[in-house]
Amino acid sequence: MLPLFDAIDRLPIAAEHREGYDRRLYKHWNKGLNATDGCHTRKEVILTEAVEAPQVEDRCALTGGSWLSKYDSVVVTDAARLDVDHFVPLAEVFDSEQAPWSAARREAYANDQDSPDTLIAVTAASNRSKADKDPAEWLPSDASYHCAYAATWVGTKLRWDLAADEAERDALLGLAEDCPATVVTYEPAG
C-alpha cells in the first residue's frame, strides 16, 4: 500500500502515442475465469459486482439483481443497462505502453479479473461519457468517488507498467490534494 501521492510519483512520465491504435488489438470478453460456466469475462464481472445477485439462466442470461454504478452512483436493476468498462481505457493503455505489448499481454489486460480494479460494471451512459479519456479530461459525476477513482487509475497503471502524460499526472496530483488518506494497492501483472 502506498499513499496516493507516492503512487503517482512512481508513474513514468511520457508523451502519449495514439498512432496505430485499433480496439481490435485487445481481444476482450474471452471465456473468463471459469471457461465452463458459459459466462464470458464481461458477464463474470457483472456477476462479481452485483449488490444483489441475479439469477443465472442458460447461456449466462442474467435476470434480476442490482448493481451500483460507482461513476454516477446510479442503482441498476437490469444487467443489460450495464457496460463493463476497462478502468484505464484500451486506447489509453495503447497510448501509455512503455514498449509495444504482445497480443497475449493485450488480451490479458482486456480480460483482467486477477485485479478487482481493471474492469468495472457501470451505467452505459457513464461509460460513454468517459469514453477513452484520462483523469485530465474526465472524472466521474459522483464527486464522492473521485479519491477512489484516482487511486484505482494509478493502481491500474502501476499494475500494468503504463506511463502517464504530464496533463494526466497534474490532474492526478490535483485529485490527491483532496485525498490525503487515500492509498493505492496493486500487484504487478505477470
Protein backbone atom coordinates (compact mmCIF):
# COMPACT_ATOMS: atom_id res chain seq x y z
CA MET A 1 0.00 0.00 0.00
CA LEU A 2 1.20 3.44 -0.94
CA PRO A 3 -0.18 6.90 -0.20
CA LEU A 4 -1.74 8.30 -3.38
CA PHE A 5 0.97 10.98 -3.80
CA ASP A 6 3.75 8.37 -3.58
CA ALA A 7 1.98 6.09 -6.05
CA ILE A 8 1.59 8.94 -8.54
CA ASP A 9 5.32 9.64 -8.21
CA ARG A 10 6.02 6.04 -9.33
CA LEU A 11 4.24 6.54 -12.65
CA PRO A 12 6.69 7.01 -15.52
CA ILE A 13 6.03 10.24 -17.42
CA ALA A 14 5.88 10.01 -21.21
CA ALA A 15 4.07 11.58 -24.13
CA GLU A 16 1.14 9.56 -25.45
CA HIS A 17 1.25 7.86 -28.83
CA ARG A 18 -2.10 7.02 -30.48
CA GLU A 19 -0.78 6.21 -33.96
CA GLY A 20 -1.57 2.60 -34.86
CA TYR A 21 -4.26 2.10 -32.21
CA ASP A 22 -7.07 -0.29 -33.09
CA ARG A 23 -9.50 -1.57 -30.46
CA ARG A 24 -9.37 -4.99 -32.12
CA LEU A 25 -5.76 -5.34 -30.93
CA TYR A 26 -7.23 -6.05 -27.47
CA LYS A 27 -9.21 -9.29 -27.69
CA HIS A 28 -11.77 -8.87 -24.97
CA TRP A 29 -14.56 -10.82 -23.39
CA ASN A 30 -12.83 -14.18 -23.60
CA LYS A 31 -14.13 -17.23 -21.73
CA GLY A 32 -13.32 -15.66 -18.39
CA LEU A 33 -12.02 -17.27 -15.23
CA ASN A 34 -14.36 -20.26 -15.46
CA ALA A 35 -14.34 -21.47 -19.06
CA THR A 36 -17.11 -23.99 -18.34
CA ASP A 37 -19.73 -21.71 -16.78
CA GLY A 38 -20.95 -20.26 -20.10
CA CYS A 39 -20.18 -16.73 -18.90
CA HIS A 40 -17.51 -14.69 -20.66
CA THR A 41 -15.39 -12.11 -18.86
CA ARG A 42 -17.97 -9.32 -19.19
CA LYS A 43 -20.72 -11.36 -17.54
CA GLU A 44 -18.37 -12.66 -14.85
CA VAL A 45 -17.51 -9.07 -13.90
CA ILE A 46 -21.19 -8.17 -13.77
CA LEU A 47 -21.87 -11.20 -11.54
CA THR A 48 -18.95 -10.34 -9.25
CA GLU A 49 -20.06 -6.74 -8.81
CA ALA A 50 -23.73 -7.44 -8.10
CA VAL A 51 -25.02 -5.87 -4.90
CA GLU A 52 -27.95 -8.28 -5.12
CA ALA A 53 -27.10 -11.42 -7.11
CA PRO A 54 -29.10 -12.04 -10.28
CA GLN A 55 -30.44 -15.39 -11.39
CA VAL A 56 -28.16 -17.04 -13.94
CA GLU A 57 -30.03 -18.86 -16.70
CA ASP A 58 -28.81 -20.89 -19.68
CA ARG A 59 -26.02 -19.27 -21.69
CA CYS A 60 -25.38 -16.92 -18.76
CA ALA A 61 -28.57 -14.92 -19.25
CA LEU A 62 -28.98 -12.73 -16.16
CA THR A 63 -32.34 -11.81 -14.64
CA GLY A 64 -32.99 -9.77 -11.54
CA GLY A 65 -30.21 -8.49 -9.34
CA SER A 66 -28.95 -4.99 -8.70
CA TRP A 67 -25.70 -3.07 -9.09
CA LEU A 68 -24.31 0.29 -8.00
CA SER A 69 -22.58 2.17 -10.81
CA LYS A 70 -19.72 3.87 -8.98
CA TYR A 71 -19.11 6.53 -11.64
CA ASP A 72 -22.54 8.12 -11.21
CA SER A 73 -23.97 6.48 -8.07
CA VAL A 74 -26.90 5.02 -10.03
CA VAL A 75 -28.56 1.78 -8.91
CA VAL A 76 -29.13 -0.51 -11.89
CA THR A 77 -31.61 -3.39 -11.79
CA ASP A 78 -31.19 -4.64 -15.36
CA ALA A 79 -27.79 -6.13 -16.28
CA ALA A 80 -28.40 -5.15 -19.90
CA ARG A 81 -28.08 -1.49 -18.84
CA LEU A 82 -24.53 -2.07 -17.64
CA ASP A 83 -21.30 -1.68 -19.53
CA VAL A 84 -18.12 -3.31 -18.30
CA ASP A 85 -15.55 -0.57 -18.57
CA HIS A 86 -11.80 -1.00 -18.82
CA PHE A 87 -10.91 1.34 -15.95
CA VAL A 88 -7.93 2.58 -17.93
CA PRO A 89 -9.47 2.56 -21.43
CA LEU A 90 -7.92 0.41 -24.13
CA ALA A 91 -6.90 3.46 -26.18
CA GLU A 92 -5.25 4.98 -23.10
CA VAL A 93 -3.41 1.71 -22.50
CA PHE A 94 -2.11 1.77 -26.07
CA ASP A 95 -1.10 5.42 -25.64
CA SER A 96 0.73 4.61 -22.41
CA GLU A 97 2.57 1.36 -23.20
CA GLN A 98 6.27 1.67 -22.36
CA ALA A 99 7.08 -0.71 -25.23
CA PRO A 100 4.69 -2.40 -27.66
CA TRP A 101 2.72 -5.16 -25.97
CA SER A 102 2.28 -8.66 -27.33
CA ALA A 103 -1.17 -9.87 -28.37
CA ALA A 104 -1.22 -12.11 -25.27
CA ARG A 105 -0.49 -9.20 -22.91
CA ARG A 106 -3.19 -7.09 -24.57
CA GLU A 107 -5.72 -9.90 -24.16
CA ALA A 108 -4.62 -10.38 -20.54
CA TYR A 109 -5.26 -6.69 -19.82
CA ALA A 110 -8.58 -6.62 -21.66
CA ASN A 111 -9.87 -9.55 -19.57
CA ASP A 112 -8.01 -8.95 -16.29
CA GLN A 113 -10.03 -10.34 -13.41
CA ASP A 114 -6.98 -11.03 -11.25
CA SER A 115 -7.31 -7.47 -10.00
CA PRO A 116 -10.67 -6.11 -8.86
CA ASP A 117 -9.73 -2.75 -10.39
CA THR A 118 -9.06 -3.31 -14.09
CA LEU A 119 -12.70 -3.87 -15.07
CA ILE A 120 -15.78 -2.22 -13.58
CA ALA A 121 -19.52 -2.51 -14.23
CA VAL A 122 -21.06 0.94 -14.69
CA THR A 123 -24.03 2.52 -16.43
CA ALA A 124 -23.76 2.64 -20.18
CA ALA A 125 -24.27 6.42 -20.03
CA SER A 126 -21.33 6.99 -17.69
CA ASN A 127 -19.10 4.70 -19.73
CA ARG A 128 -19.99 6.55 -22.94
CA SER A 129 -19.30 9.86 -21.22
CA LYS A 130 -15.86 8.68 -20.12
CA ALA A 131 -15.00 7.03 -23.47
CA ASP A 132 -11.19 6.90 -23.76
CA LYS A 133 -10.48 9.94 -21.59
CA ASP A 134 -7.96 10.08 -18.76
CA PRO A 135 -8.45 11.99 -15.46
CA ALA A 136 -7.25 15.25 -17.06
CA GLU A 137 -10.27 15.07 -19.37
CA TRP A 138 -12.97 13.27 -17.36
CA LEU A 139 -13.97 12.47 -13.80
CA PRO A 140 -16.99 10.56 -12.50
CA SER A 141 -20.09 12.68 -11.93
CA ASP A 142 -20.21 11.30 -8.37
CA ALA A 143 -17.59 13.51 -6.69
CA SER A 144 -17.54 11.26 -3.61
CA TYR A 145 -15.87 8.64 -5.82
CA HIS A 146 -13.02 10.88 -7.04
CA CYS A 147 -10.43 9.71 -4.48
CA ALA A 148 -11.17 6.05 -5.13
CA TYR A 149 -11.18 6.75 -8.87
CA ALA A 150 -7.72 8.34 -8.73
CA ALA A 151 -6.33 5.50 -6.59
CA THR A 152 -7.78 2.85 -8.90
CA TRP A 153 -6.50 4.63 -12.01
CA VAL A 154 -2.98 4.92 -10.58
CA GLY A 155 -3.00 1.36 -9.25
CA THR A 156 -4.08 0.01 -12.63
CA LYS A 157 -1.39 1.99 -14.43
CA LEU A 158 1.24 0.74 -11.98
CA ARG A 159 -0.03 -2.85 -12.19
CA TRP A 160 0.41 -2.82 -15.97
CA ASP A 161 3.57 -0.63 -16.09
CA LEU A 162 1.87 2.17 -18.00
CA ALA A 163 3.09 5.74 -18.26
CA ALA A 164 1.17 8.95 -17.66
CA ASP A 165 1.47 12.14 -19.66
CA GLU A 166 2.06 15.49 -17.95
CA ALA A 167 -1.58 16.65 -18.02
CA GLU A 168 -2.76 13.34 -16.61
CA ARG A 169 -0.15 13.44 -13.83
CA ASP A 170 -1.07 17.03 -12.96
CA ALA A 171 -4.76 16.08 -12.77
CA LEU A 172 -3.97 13.12 -10.52
CA LEU A 173 -1.83 15.30 -8.24
CA GLY A 174 -4.71 17.78 -8.04
CA LEU A 175 -7.07 15.00 -7.01
CA ALA A 176 -4.55 13.74 -4.45
CA GLU A 177 -4.64 17.15 -2.73
CA ASP A 178 -8.21 16.36 -1.68
CA CYS A 179 -7.46 12.72 -0.81
CA PRO A 180 -4.80 12.76 1.94
CA ALA A 181 -5.89 9.42 3.43
CA THR A 182 -6.25 7.59 0.10
CA VAL A 183 -3.91 4.68 -0.52
CA VAL A 184 -3.11 2.71 -3.65
CA THR A 185 -2.79 -1.06 -3.68
CA TYR A 186 -1.77 -3.13 -6.67
CA GLU A 187 0.05 -6.29 -7.69
CA PRO A 188 2.20 -6.11 -10.83
CA ALA A 189 0.64 -8.04 -13.71
CA GLY A 190 2.52 -11.17 -14.73
